[in-house]
């Protein structure tokens, strides 16, 4: 029963995504509807990895092992969108920081207020005040990349750099450098490495490359697709087994192999999904609240652990998802009012 209850959120979102598809007459990749479907599925899977040991089970652990790929995809979607916007909208940099800060920090502030109020009800005066101004690690990494992206784009304009490979190369170098700077001094059990997402931030690079080489990548994905599907499915399985064996090996195993495995799984996912048009109310709704789901799920799980420690694993997981979606929906509706008014 625990396994069945654990499967419900993931099966639900996968069925919602699958039922929203139809064959495209003109093959596109990374359209708005496509990324909406990705964000909907990814936000559900990311939640699965953060349940406390007391409420974990084998199904939860299996699904949660794909969470780092989902975070990689979130970064990939973000950097792809930034590349698309800066080249299609001449005024993008003019309002860049205003729009970025509003979109990222207002939902954080709303969720922090929710978390503080709920914690006051549960813990009373023991509630730490720093909940109110804590900034999520995912947001910090995005802001870090935004700073680098903005500086490089300003330099491109000031120096009139016309060669894309120079700009893209500098952006990629910044991501690689930040990842290695975080990883190399750390240890495999160092919480700084885990929370800094030195592996997942490579999604920022995949987004840059996807935008720059979109026609070639789309052509490659659609040509001899069946053969490539089988090849990358087998490759994903082999690399997964290899990673299980060598994940404790410093750098080559736990760093390079994990990054390559994530990349191969993403390519396999693109091969599976290309050529389909996505979009229905469920997918659009989950995509809209996906950021708030990510921001608030940790606090919901922590609070539920205190309030209902007697629940079985499956019941705890399904209840945590339900409460997370409700809180995320309310937080999204409130933050959307402020974001619309403050964005340029």
C-alpha atoms as a PDB file:
ATOM      1  CA  UNK A   1       0.000   0.000   0.000  1.00  0.00           C
ATOM      2  CA  UNK A   2       2.866   2.402   0.776  1.00  0.00           C
ATOM      3  CA  UNK A   3       4.354   1.750  -2.653  1.00  0.00           C
ATOM      4  CA  UNK A   4       1.019   2.333  -4.397  1.00  0.00           C
ATOM      5  CA  UNK A   5       0.366   5.591  -2.536  1.00  0.00           C
ATOM      6  CA  UNK A   6       3.908   6.767  -3.321  1.00  0.00           C
ATOM      7  CA  UNK A   7       3.328   6.176  -7.025  1.00  0.00           C
ATOM      8  CA  UNK A   8       0.100   8.203  -7.198  1.00  0.00           C
ATOM      9  CA  UNK A   9       1.588  11.737  -7.626  1.00  0.00           C
ATOM     10  CA  UNK A  10       4.120  10.653 -10.255  1.00  0.00           C
ATOM     11  CA  UNK A  11       1.711   8.434 -12.205  1.00  0.00           C
ATOM     12  CA  UNK A  12      -0.881  11.221 -12.118  1.00  0.00           C
ATOM     13  CA  UNK A  13       1.437  13.849 -13.599  1.00  0.00           C
ATOM     14  CA  UNK A  14       2.854  11.420 -16.184  1.00  0.00           C
ATOM     15  CA  UNK A  15      -0.647  10.472 -17.312  1.00  0.00           C
ATOM     16  CA  UNK A  16      -1.619  14.140 -17.422  1.00  0.00           C
ATOM     17  CA  UNK A  17       1.398  14.869 -19.590  1.00  0.00           C
ATOM     18  CA  UNK A  18       0.824  11.887 -21.866  1.00  0.00           C
ATOM     19  CA  UNK A  19      -2.892  12.626 -22.300  1.00  0.00           C
ATOM     20  CA  UNK A  20      -2.113  16.195 -23.338  1.00  0.00           C
ATOM     21  CA  UNK A  21      -0.055  15.208 -26.359  1.00  0.00           C
ATOM     22  CA  UNK A  22      -0.794  14.994 -30.025  1.00  0.00           C
ATOM     23  CA  UNK A  23       1.494  14.584 -32.995  1.00  0.00           C
ATOM     24  CA  UNK A  24       2.957  17.835 -34.291  1.00  0.00           C
ATOM     25  CA  UNK A  25       2.645  18.722 -37.957  1.00  0.00           C
ATOM     26  CA  UNK A  26       5.703  20.972 -37.667  1.00  0.00           C
ATOM     27  CA  UNK A  27       8.216  19.528 -35.209  1.00  0.00           C
ATOM     28  CA  UNK A  28       9.241  22.008 -32.506  1.00  0.00           C
ATOM     29  CA  UNK A  29      11.449  21.661 -29.456  1.00  0.00           C
ATOM     30  CA  UNK A  30      11.403  23.568 -26.169  1.00  0.00           C
ATOM     31  CA  UNK A  31       8.244  25.500 -26.966  1.00  0.00           C
ATOM     32  CA  UNK A  32       6.291  27.077 -24.108  1.00  0.00           C
ATOM     33  CA  UNK A  33       3.935  24.093 -23.855  1.00  0.00           C
ATOM     34  CA  UNK A  34       6.853  21.672 -24.012  1.00  0.00           C
ATOM     35  CA  UNK A  35       8.735  23.322 -21.143  1.00  0.00           C
ATOM     36  CA  UNK A  36       5.468  23.568 -19.186  1.00  0.00           C
ATOM     37  CA  UNK A  37       5.137  19.784 -19.385  1.00  0.00           C
ATOM     38  CA  UNK A  38       8.765  19.334 -18.300  1.00  0.00           C
ATOM     39  CA  UNK A  39       8.382  21.678 -15.326  1.00  0.00           C
ATOM     40  CA  UNK A  40       5.183  19.945 -14.209  1.00  0.00           C
ATOM     41  CA  UNK A  41       6.769  16.510 -14.167  1.00  0.00           C
ATOM     42  CA  UNK A  42      10.069  17.705 -12.710  1.00  0.00           C
ATOM     43  CA  UNK A  43       8.543  19.585  -9.769  1.00  0.00           C
ATOM     44  CA  UNK A  44       6.698  16.426  -8.669  1.00  0.00           C
ATOM     45  CA  UNK A  45       9.823  14.249  -8.897  1.00  0.00           C
ATOM     46  CA  UNK A  46      12.048  16.773  -7.080  1.00  0.00           C
ATOM     47  CA  UNK A  47       9.756  16.665  -4.027  1.00  0.00           C
ATOM     48  CA  UNK A  48      10.219  12.892  -3.804  1.00  0.00           C
ATOM     49  CA  UNK A  49      13.897  13.071  -2.836  1.00  0.00           C
ATOM     50  CA  UNK A  50      13.406  15.185   0.301  1.00  0.00           C
ATOM     51  CA  UNK A  51      11.362  12.920   2.566  1.00  0.00           C
ATOM     52  CA  UNK A  52      12.915  12.086   5.961  1.00  0.00           C
ATOM     53  CA  UNK A  53      14.378   8.564   6.441  1.00  0.00           C
ATOM     54  CA  UNK A  54      11.458   7.503   8.649  1.00  0.00           C
ATOM     55  CA  UNK A  55       9.009   7.990   5.747  1.00  0.00           C
ATOM     56  CA  UNK A  56      11.118   6.733   2.869  1.00  0.00           C
ATOM     57  CA  UNK A  57      10.532   3.534   0.921  1.00  0.00           C
ATOM     58  CA  UNK A  58      12.046   1.784  -2.089  1.00  0.00           C
ATOM     59  CA  UNK A  59       9.701   3.337  -4.638  1.00  0.00           C
ATOM     60  CA  UNK A  60      10.280   6.814  -3.207  1.00  0.00           C
ATOM     61  CA  UNK A  61      14.043   6.235  -3.263  1.00  0.00           C
ATOM     62  CA  UNK A  62      13.975   5.011  -6.872  1.00  0.00           C
ATOM     63  CA  UNK A  63      11.935   7.976  -8.116  1.00  0.00           C
ATOM     64  CA  UNK A  64      13.928  10.443  -6.026  1.00  0.00           C
ATOM     65  CA  UNK A  65      17.182   9.287  -7.620  1.00  0.00           C
ATOM     66  CA  UNK A  66      16.117  11.171 -10.772  1.00  0.00           C
ATOM     67  CA  UNK A  67      15.671  14.453  -8.885  1.00  0.00           C
ATOM     68  CA  UNK A  68      19.096  15.790  -9.828  1.00  0.00           C
ATOM     69  CA  UNK A  69      18.225  15.338 -13.520  1.00  0.00           C
ATOM     70  CA  UNK A  70      15.033  17.337 -12.939  1.00  0.00           C
ATOM     71  CA  UNK A  71      16.971  20.182 -11.291  1.00  0.00           C
ATOM     72  CA  UNK A  72      19.372  20.077 -14.263  1.00  0.00           C
ATOM     73  CA  UNK A  73      16.359  20.475 -16.559  1.00  0.00           C
ATOM     74  CA  UNK A  74      15.087  23.457 -14.543  1.00  0.00           C
ATOM     75  CA  UNK A  75      18.444  25.192 -15.019  1.00  0.00           C
ATOM     76  CA  UNK A  76      18.431  24.203 -18.688  1.00  0.00           C
ATOM     77  CA  UNK A  77      15.002  25.783 -19.217  1.00  0.00           C
ATOM     78  CA  UNK A  78      16.114  28.974 -17.448  1.00  0.00           C
ATOM     79  CA  UNK A  79      19.304  29.516 -19.448  1.00  0.00           C
ATOM     80  CA  UNK A  80      17.554  28.631 -22.714  1.00  0.00           C
ATOM     81  CA  UNK A  81      14.876  31.244 -21.972  1.00  0.00           C
ATOM     82  CA  UNK A  82      17.490  33.886 -21.187  1.00  0.00           C
ATOM     83  CA  UNK A  83      19.346  33.211 -24.450  1.00  0.00           C
ATOM     84  CA  UNK A  84      16.117  33.384 -26.413  1.00  0.00           C
ATOM     85  CA  UNK A  85      14.998  36.630 -24.730  1.00  0.00           C
ATOM     86  CA  UNK A  86      18.271  38.540 -25.039  1.00  0.00           C
ATOM     87  CA  UNK A  87      18.518  37.859 -28.770  1.00  0.00           C
ATOM     88  CA  UNK A  88      14.850  38.376 -29.633  1.00  0.00           C
ATOM     89  CA  UNK A  89      14.058  41.359 -27.397  1.00  0.00           C
ATOM     90  CA  UNK A  90      16.281  44.480 -27.786  1.00  0.00           C
ATOM     91  CA  UNK A  91      15.034  45.882 -24.429  1.00  0.00           C
ATOM     92  CA  UNK A  92      15.614  42.675 -22.471  1.00  0.00           C
ATOM     93  CA  UNK A  93      18.761  43.876 -20.688  1.00  0.00           C
ATOM     94  CA  UNK A  94      17.224  47.259 -19.920  1.00  0.00           C
ATOM     95  CA  UNK A  95      14.725  45.704 -17.506  1.00  0.00           C
ATOM     96  CA  UNK A  96      16.724  42.532 -16.811  1.00  0.00           C
ATOM     97  CA  UNK A  97      17.390  42.941 -13.101  1.00  0.00           C
ATOM     98  CA  UNK A  98      14.028  44.400 -12.235  1.00  0.00           C
ATOM     99  CA  UNK A  99      12.195  41.511 -13.855  1.00  0.00           C
ATOM    100  CA  UNK A 100      14.596  38.808 -12.622  1.00  0.00           C
ATOM    101  CA  UNK A 101      14.542  39.976  -9.007  1.00  0.00           C
ATOM    102  CA  UNK A 102      10.770  40.400  -8.966  1.00  0.00           C
ATOM    103  CA  UNK A 103      10.132  36.964 -10.495  1.00  0.00           C
ATOM    104  CA  UNK A 104      12.565  35.134  -8.206  1.00  0.00           C
ATOM    105  CA  UNK A 105      12.412  36.968  -4.895  1.00  0.00           C
ATOM    106  CA  UNK A 106       8.705  37.802  -4.497  1.00  0.00           C
ATOM    107  CA  UNK A 107       7.616  34.120  -4.505  1.00  0.00           C
ATOM    108  CA  UNK A 108      10.470  33.459  -2.050  1.00  0.00           C
ATOM    109  CA  UNK A 109       9.232  36.222   0.253  1.00  0.00           C
ATOM    110  CA  UNK A 110       5.607  34.998   0.129  1.00  0.00           C
ATOM    111  CA  UNK A 111       6.638  31.405   0.852  1.00  0.00           C
ATOM    112  CA  UNK A 112       8.881  32.590   3.703  1.00  0.00           C
ATOM    113  CA  UNK A 113       5.941  34.431   5.257  1.00  0.00           C
ATOM    114  CA  UNK A 114       3.805  31.292   4.991  1.00  0.00           C
ATOM    115  CA  UNK A 115       6.567  29.194   6.541  1.00  0.00           C
ATOM    116  CA  UNK A 116       7.125  31.669   9.379  1.00  0.00           C
ATOM    117  CA  UNK A 117       3.419  31.932  10.209  1.00  0.00           C
ATOM    118  CA  UNK A 118       2.952  28.153  10.164  1.00  0.00           C
ATOM    119  CA  UNK A 119       6.092  27.639  12.249  1.00  0.00           C
ATOM    120  CA  UNK A 120       4.803  30.131  14.827  1.00  0.00           C
ATOM    121  CA  UNK A 121       1.642  28.044  15.143  1.00  0.00           C
ATOM    122  CA  UNK A 122       3.634  24.808  15.530  1.00  0.00           C
ATOM    123  CA  UNK A 123       6.730  25.886  17.482  1.00  0.00           C
ATOM    124  CA  UNK A 124       5.672  29.227  18.926  1.00  0.00           C
ATOM    125  CA  UNK A 125       8.521  31.426  20.152  1.00  0.00           C
ATOM    126  CA  UNK A 126      11.110  28.813  19.112  1.00  0.00           C
ATOM    127  CA  UNK A 127      10.576  29.810  15.479  1.00  0.00           C
ATOM    128  CA  UNK A 128      13.846  31.260  14.066  1.00  0.00           C
ATOM    129  CA  UNK A 129      13.384  34.746  12.606  1.00  0.00           C
ATOM    130  CA  UNK A 130      15.810  34.057   9.761  1.00  0.00           C
ATOM    131  CA  UNK A 131      13.072  32.066   8.006  1.00  0.00           C
ATOM    132  CA  UNK A 132      11.760  35.422   6.798  1.00  0.00           C
ATOM    133  CA  UNK A 133      14.873  36.393   4.827  1.00  0.00           C
ATOM    134  CA  UNK A 134      16.255  33.012   3.801  1.00  0.00           C
ATOM    135  CA  UNK A 135      16.886  32.719   0.059  1.00  0.00           C
ATOM    136  CA  UNK A 136      16.613  29.259  -1.469  1.00  0.00           C
ATOM    137  CA  UNK A 137      19.805  27.728  -2.894  1.00  0.00           C
ATOM    138  CA  UNK A 138      18.234  27.258  -6.322  1.00  0.00           C
ATOM    139  CA  UNK A 139      17.403  30.977  -6.427  1.00  0.00           C
ATOM    140  CA  UNK A 140      20.914  31.916  -5.294  1.00  0.00           C
ATOM    141  CA  UNK A 141      22.482  29.846  -8.077  1.00  0.00           C
ATOM    142  CA  UNK A 142      20.167  31.428 -10.646  1.00  0.00           C
ATOM    143  CA  UNK A 143      21.016  34.914  -9.361  1.00  0.00           C
ATOM    144  CA  UNK A 144      24.703  34.038  -9.541  1.00  0.00           C
ATOM    145  CA  UNK A 145      24.286  32.987 -13.168  1.00  0.00           C
ATOM    146  CA  UNK A 146      22.154  36.067 -13.900  1.00  0.00           C
ATOM    147  CA  UNK A 147      25.002  38.286 -12.707  1.00  0.00           C
ATOM    148  CA  UNK A 148      27.504  36.494 -14.956  1.00  0.00           C
ATOM    149  CA  UNK A 149      25.071  36.501 -17.898  1.00  0.00           C
ATOM    150  CA  UNK A 150      24.344  40.220 -17.482  1.00  0.00           C
ATOM    151  CA  UNK A 151      28.032  41.170 -17.284  1.00  0.00           C
ATOM    152  CA  UNK A 152      28.907  39.135 -20.381  1.00  0.00           C
ATOM    153  CA  UNK A 153      25.994  40.573 -22.357  1.00  0.00           C
ATOM    154  CA  UNK A 154      26.981  44.138 -21.380  1.00  0.00           C
ATOM    155  CA  UNK A 155      30.541  43.416 -22.451  1.00  0.00           C
ATOM    156  CA  UNK A 156      29.241  42.044 -25.755  1.00  0.00           C
ATOM    157  CA  UNK A 157      27.386  45.296 -26.416  1.00  0.00           C
ATOM    158  CA  UNK A 158      30.143  47.628 -25.253  1.00  0.00           C
ATOM    159  CA  UNK A 159      32.848  45.877 -27.268  1.00  0.00           C
ATOM    160  CA  UNK A 160      30.500  45.089 -30.171  1.00  0.00           C
ATOM    161  CA  UNK A 161      31.323  41.367 -30.089  1.00  0.00           C
ATOM    162  CA  UNK A 162      29.525  39.763 -33.019  1.00  0.00           C
ATOM    163  CA  UNK A 163      30.836  36.205 -32.735  1.00  0.00           C
ATOM    164  CA  UNK A 164      28.425  34.089 -30.697  1.00  0.00           C
ATOM    165  CA  UNK A 165      31.061  31.495 -29.820  1.00  0.00           C
ATOM    166  CA  UNK A 166      32.975  34.075 -27.780  1.00  0.00           C
ATOM    167  CA  UNK A 167      29.943  35.047 -25.688  1.00  0.00           C
ATOM    168  CA  UNK A 168      28.753  31.464 -25.311  1.00  0.00           C
ATOM    169  CA  UNK A 169      32.270  30.341 -24.426  1.00  0.00           C
ATOM    170  CA  UNK A 170      32.544  32.902 -21.641  1.00  0.00           C
ATOM    171  CA  UNK A 171      29.135  31.956 -20.239  1.00  0.00           C
ATOM    172  CA  UNK A 172      30.019  28.264 -20.291  1.00  0.00           C
ATOM    173  CA  UNK A 173      33.432  28.923 -18.732  1.00  0.00           C
ATOM    174  CA  UNK A 174      31.743  30.763 -15.857  1.00  0.00           C
ATOM    175  CA  UNK A 175      29.417  27.836 -15.137  1.00  0.00           C
ATOM    176  CA  UNK A 176      32.233  25.261 -15.287  1.00  0.00           C
ATOM    177  CA  UNK A 177      34.476  27.408 -13.088  1.00  0.00           C
ATOM    178  CA  UNK A 178      31.769  27.910 -10.458  1.00  0.00           C
ATOM    179  CA  UNK A 179      31.040  24.167 -10.415  1.00  0.00           C
ATOM    180  CA  UNK A 180      34.693  23.160 -10.049  1.00  0.00           C
ATOM    181  CA  UNK A 181      35.319  25.881  -7.469  1.00  0.00           C
ATOM    182  CA  UNK A 182      32.549  24.377  -5.362  1.00  0.00           C
ATOM    183  CA  UNK A 183      33.440  20.727  -5.922  1.00  0.00           C
ATOM    184  CA  UNK A 184      37.236  20.448  -5.869  1.00  0.00           C
ATOM    185  CA  UNK A 185      37.860  21.686  -2.287  1.00  0.00           C
ATOM    186  CA  UNK A 186      34.964  19.638  -0.924  1.00  0.00           C
ATOM    187  CA  UNK A 187      34.444  16.012   0.001  1.00  0.00           C
ATOM    188  CA  UNK A 188      31.773  13.610  -1.178  1.00  0.00           C
ATOM    189  CA  UNK A 189      29.901  14.017   2.118  1.00  0.00           C
ATOM    190  CA  UNK A 190      30.334  17.779   2.260  1.00  0.00           C
ATOM    191  CA  UNK A 191      26.907  19.463   2.541  1.00  0.00           C
ATOM    192  CA  UNK A 192      28.256  22.486   0.645  1.00  0.00           C
ATOM    193  CA  UNK A 193      28.805  20.342  -2.441  1.00  0.00           C
ATOM    194  CA  UNK A 194      25.350  18.797  -2.160  1.00  0.00           C
ATOM    195  CA  UNK A 195      23.507  22.087  -1.674  1.00  0.00           C
ATOM    196  CA  UNK A 196      25.588  24.018  -4.216  1.00  0.00           C
ATOM    197  CA  UNK A 197      24.474  21.695  -6.999  1.00  0.00           C
ATOM    198  CA  UNK A 198      27.807  21.648  -8.771  1.00  0.00           C
ATOM    199  CA  UNK A 199      26.525  18.816 -11.008  1.00  0.00           C
ATOM    200  CA  UNK A 200      23.043  20.156 -11.718  1.00  0.00           C
ATOM    201  CA  UNK A 201      24.187  23.632 -12.739  1.00  0.00           C
ATOM    202  CA  UNK A 202      25.575  22.091 -15.939  1.00  0.00           C
ATOM    203  CA  UNK A 203      21.976  22.372 -17.124  1.00  0.00           C
ATOM    204  CA  UNK A 204      22.767  26.060 -17.665  1.00  0.00           C
ATOM    205  CA  UNK A 205      25.329  24.953 -20.255  1.00  0.00           C
ATOM    206  CA  UNK A 206      22.932  22.519 -21.934  1.00  0.00           C
ATOM    207  CA  UNK A 207      20.404  25.373 -22.287  1.00  0.00           C
ATOM    208  CA  UNK A 208      22.977  27.624 -23.967  1.00  0.00           C
ATOM    209  CA  UNK A 209      24.021  24.891 -26.407  1.00  0.00           C
ATOM    210  CA  UNK A 210      20.423  23.890 -27.135  1.00  0.00           C
ATOM    211  CA  UNK A 211      19.547  27.443 -28.113  1.00  0.00           C
ATOM    212  CA  UNK A 212      22.672  27.988 -30.203  1.00  0.00           C
ATOM    213  CA  UNK A 213      22.445  24.720 -32.120  1.00  0.00           C
ATOM    214  CA  UNK A 214      18.672  24.212 -32.093  1.00  0.00           C
ATOM    215  CA  UNK A 215      18.219  23.432 -35.838  1.00  0.00           C
ATOM    216  CA  UNK A 216      21.056  20.882 -35.816  1.00  0.00           C
ATOM    217  CA  UNK A 217      19.940  19.289 -32.549  1.00  0.00           C
ATOM    218  CA  UNK A 218      16.333  19.043 -33.744  1.00  0.00           C
ATOM    219  CA  UNK A 219      17.492  17.461 -36.996  1.00  0.00           C
ATOM    220  CA  UNK A 220      19.674  14.988 -35.106  1.00  0.00           C
ATOM    221  CA  UNK A 221      16.856  14.035 -32.724  1.00  0.00           C
ATOM    222  CA  UNK A 222      14.376  13.362 -35.524  1.00  0.00           C
ATOM    223  CA  UNK A 223      16.746  11.474 -37.842  1.00  0.00           C
ATOM    224  CA  UNK A 224      16.852   7.672 -37.275  1.00  0.00           C
ATOM    225  CA  UNK A 225      15.021   8.340 -34.022  1.00  0.00           C
ATOM    226  CA  UNK A 226      14.141   4.720 -33.264  1.00  0.00           C
ATOM    227  CA  UNK A 227      17.766   3.578 -33.355  1.00  0.00           C
ATOM    228  CA  UNK A 228      18.884   6.482 -31.182  1.00  0.00           C
ATOM    229  CA  UNK A 229      16.087   5.791 -28.685  1.00  0.00           C
ATOM    230  CA  UNK A 230      17.312   2.233 -28.167  1.00  0.00           C
ATOM    231  CA  UNK A 231      20.949   3.348 -28.058  1.00  0.00           C
ATOM    232  CA  UNK A 232      20.405   6.052 -25.418  1.00  0.00           C
ATOM    233  CA  UNK A 233      18.078   3.868 -23.361  1.00  0.00           C
ATOM    234  CA  UNK A 234      20.791   1.194 -23.168  1.00  0.00           C
ATOM    235  CA  UNK A 235      23.465   3.831 -22.568  1.00  0.00           C
ATOM    236  CA  UNK A 236      21.403   5.351 -19.727  1.00  0.00           C
ATOM    237  CA  UNK A 237      21.037   1.950 -18.079  1.00  0.00           C
ATOM    238  CA  UNK A 238      24.732   1.088 -18.433  1.00  0.00           C
ATOM    239  CA  UNK A 239      25.876   4.450 -17.120  1.00  0.00           C
ATOM    240  CA  UNK A 240      23.417   4.190 -14.213  1.00  0.00           C
ATOM    241  CA  UNK A 241      24.869   0.816 -13.199  1.00  0.00           C
ATOM    242  CA  UNK A 242      28.389   2.172 -13.652  1.00  0.00           C
ATOM    243  CA  UNK A 243      27.564   5.170 -11.488  1.00  0.00           C
ATOM    244  CA  UNK A 244      26.209   2.942  -8.714  1.00  0.00           C
ATOM    245  CA  UNK A 245      29.583   1.165  -8.671  1.00  0.00           C
ATOM    246  CA  UNK A 246      31.889   4.171  -9.023  1.00  0.00           C
ATOM    247  CA  UNK A 247      29.927   7.043  -7.480  1.00  0.00           C
ATOM    248  CA  UNK A 248      32.318   7.154  -4.509  1.00  0.00           C
ATOM    249  CA  UNK A 249      35.365   7.631  -6.763  1.00  0.00           C
ATOM    250  CA  UNK A 250      36.545  11.216  -6.423  1.00  0.00           C
ATOM    251  CA  UNK A 251      36.034  13.418  -9.499  1.00  0.00           C
ATOM    252  CA  UNK A 252      35.883  10.744 -12.213  1.00  0.00           C
ATOM    253  CA  UNK A 253      33.050   8.800 -10.613  1.00  0.00           C
ATOM    254  CA  UNK A 254      31.019  11.163  -8.479  1.00  0.00           C
ATOM    255  CA  UNK A 255      31.559  14.267 -10.661  1.00  0.00           C
ATOM    256  CA  UNK A 256      32.251  13.554 -14.351  1.00  0.00           C
ATOM    257  CA  UNK A 257      30.240  10.344 -14.508  1.00  0.00           C
ATOM    258  CA  UNK A 258      27.237  11.924 -12.770  1.00  0.00           C
ATOM    259  CA  UNK A 259      27.252  14.884 -15.187  1.00  0.00           C
ATOM    260  CA  UNK A 260      27.545  12.583 -18.226  1.00  0.00           C
ATOM    261  CA  UNK A 261      24.762  10.331 -16.896  1.00  0.00           C
ATOM    262  CA  UNK A 262      22.460  13.341 -16.437  1.00  0.00           C
ATOM    263  CA  UNK A 263      23.230  14.534 -19.970  1.00  0.00           C
ATOM    264  CA  UNK A 264      22.517  11.107 -21.499  1.00  0.00           C
ATOM    265  CA  UNK A 265      19.207  10.812 -19.627  1.00  0.00           C
ATOM    266  CA  UNK A 266      18.171  14.275 -20.855  1.00  0.00           C
ATOM    267  CA  UNK A 267      19.020  13.340 -24.464  1.00  0.00           C
ATOM    268  CA  UNK A 268      16.966  10.156 -24.049  1.00  0.00           C
ATOM    269  CA  UNK A 269      14.075  12.228 -22.672  1.00  0.00           C
ATOM    270  CA  UNK A 270      14.248  14.590 -25.660  1.00  0.00           C
ATOM    271  CA  UNK A 271      14.228  11.628 -28.039  1.00  0.00           C
ATOM    272  CA  UNK A 272      11.138  10.216 -26.318  1.00  0.00           C
ATOM    273  CA  UNK A 273       9.177  13.478 -26.313  1.00  0.00           C
ATOM    274  CA  UNK A 274      10.136  15.272 -29.530  1.00  0.00           C
ATOM    275  CA  UNK A 275       7.480  15.478 -32.208  1.00  0.00           C
ATOM    276  CA  UNK A 276       4.607  15.748 -29.745  1.00  0.00           C
ATOM    277  CA  UNK A 277       2.571  18.823 -28.879  1.00  0.00           C
ATOM    278  CA  UNK A 278       1.793  19.241 -25.176  1.00  0.00           C
ATOM    279  CA  UNK A 279      -0.753  21.174 -23.193  1.00  0.00           C
ATOM    280  CA  UNK A 280      -3.860  20.764 -21.054  1.00  0.00           C
ATOM    281  CA  UNK A 281      -5.218  22.475 -17.959  1.00  0.00           C
ATOM    282  CA  UNK A 282      -3.503  20.145 -15.511  1.00  0.00           C
ATOM    283  CA  UNK A 283      -0.068  20.589 -17.092  1.00  0.00           C
ATOM    284  CA  UNK A 284      -0.485  24.369 -17.372  1.00  0.00           C
ATOM    285  CA  UNK A 285      -1.633  24.583 -13.742  1.00  0.00           C
ATOM    286  CA  UNK A 286       1.205  22.470 -12.332  1.00  0.00           C
ATOM    287  CA  UNK A 287       3.728  24.367 -14.436  1.00  0.00           C
ATOM    288  CA  UNK A 288       2.428  27.697 -13.125  1.00  0.00           C
ATOM    289  CA  UNK A 289       2.868  26.679  -9.480  1.00  0.00           C
ATOM    290  CA  UNK A 290       6.016  24.560  -9.987  1.00  0.00           C
ATOM    291  CA  UNK A 291       8.338  27.230  -8.571  1.00  0.00           C
ATOM    292  CA  UNK A 292       6.214  27.634  -5.448  1.00  0.00           C
ATOM    293  CA  UNK A 293       5.944  23.830  -5.109  1.00  0.00           C
ATOM    294  CA  UNK A 294       9.712  23.626  -5.071  1.00  0.00           C
ATOM    295  CA  UNK A 295      10.082  26.516  -2.603  1.00  0.00           C
ATOM    296  CA  UNK A 296       7.535  25.325  -0.051  1.00  0.00           C
ATOM    297  CA  UNK A 297       7.677  21.522  -0.132  1.00  0.00           C
ATOM    298  CA  UNK A 298      10.600  21.261   2.310  1.00  0.00           C
ATOM    299  CA  UNK A 299       8.799  23.226   4.994  1.00  0.00           C
ATOM    300  CA  UNK A 300       5.562  21.269   4.489  1.00  0.00           C
ATOM    301  CA  UNK A 301       7.425  17.972   4.860  1.00  0.00           C
ATOM    302  CA  UNK A 302       9.246  19.198   7.978  1.00  0.00           C
ATOM    303  CA  UNK A 303       6.040  20.455   9.594  1.00  0.00           C
ATOM    304  CA  UNK A 304       4.122  17.287   8.782  1.00  0.00           C
ATOM    305  CA  UNK A 305       6.934  15.229  10.324  1.00  0.00           C
ATOM    306  CA  UNK A 306       6.312  17.048  13.617  1.00  0.00           C
ATOM    307  CA  UNK A 307       2.516  16.987  13.440  1.00  0.00           C
ATOM    308  CA  UNK A 308       1.929  13.457  12.152  1.00  0.00           C
ATOM    309  CA  UNK A 309       4.920  11.236  12.992  1.00  0.00           C
ATOM    310  CA  UNK A 310       2.691   8.175  13.261  1.00  0.00           C
ATOM    311  CA  UNK A 311       1.726   8.110   9.561  1.00  0.00           C
ATOM    312  CA  UNK A 312       2.952   5.311   7.347  1.00  0.00           C
ATOM    313  CA  UNK A 313       5.335   6.171   4.510  1.00  0.00           C
ATOM    314  CA  UNK A 314       2.726   6.162   1.728  1.00  0.00           C
ATOM    315  CA  UNK A 315       0.146   8.184   3.660  1.00  0.00           C
ATOM    316  CA  UNK A 316       2.787  10.708   4.712  1.00  0.00           C
ATOM    317  CA  UNK A 317       3.992  11.162   1.124  1.00  0.00           C
ATOM    318  CA  UNK A 318       0.547  11.572  -0.442  1.00  0.00           C
ATOM    319  CA  UNK A 319      -0.542  14.005   2.309  1.00  0.00           C
ATOM    320  CA  UNK A 320       2.660  16.033   1.907  1.00  0.00           C
ATOM    321  CA  UNK A 321       1.999  16.390  -1.822  1.00  0.00           C
ATOM    322  CA  UNK A 322      -1.600  17.468  -1.268  1.00  0.00           C
ATOM    323  CA  UNK A 323      -0.692  20.118   1.319  1.00  0.00           C
ATOM    324  CA  UNK A 324       2.244  21.331  -0.772  1.00  0.00           C
ATOM    325  CA  UNK A 325       0.047  21.892  -3.834  1.00  0.00           C
ATOM    326  CA  UNK A 326      -2.562  23.765  -1.778  1.00  0.00           C
ATOM    327  CA  UNK A 327       0.008  26.076  -0.162  1.00  0.00           C
ATOM    328  CA  UNK A 328       1.849  26.530  -3.479  1.00  0.00           C
ATOM    329  CA  UNK A 329      -1.400  27.496  -5.199  1.00  0.00           C
ATOM    330  CA  UNK A 330      -2.202  30.177  -2.608  1.00  0.00           C
ATOM    331  CA  UNK A 331       1.375  31.495  -2.611  1.00  0.00           C
ATOM    332  CA  UNK A 332       1.381  31.637  -6.423  1.00  0.00           C
ATOM    333  CA  UNK A 333      -1.890  33.563  -6.582  1.00  0.00           C
ATOM    334  CA  UNK A 334      -0.600  36.147  -4.092  1.00  0.00           C
ATOM    335  CA  UNK A 335       2.863  36.512  -5.630  1.00  0.00           C
ATOM    336  CA  UNK A 336       1.397  36.783  -9.138  1.00  0.00           C
ATOM    337  CA  UNK A 337      -0.402  40.009  -8.122  1.00  0.00           C
ATOM    338  CA  UNK A 338       2.841  41.649  -7.012  1.00  0.00           C
ATOM    339  CA  UNK A 339       4.930  40.261  -9.875  1.00  0.00           C
ATOM    340  CA  UNK A 340       2.523  41.601 -12.505  1.00  0.00           C
ATOM    341  CA  UNK A 341       2.526  45.063 -10.969  1.00  0.00           C
ATOM    342  CA  UNK A 342       6.278  45.285 -10.440  1.00  0.00           C
ATOM    343  CA  UNK A 343       7.629  43.730 -13.621  1.00  0.00           C
ATOM    344  CA  UNK A 344       8.650  46.149 -16.351  1.00  0.00           C
END
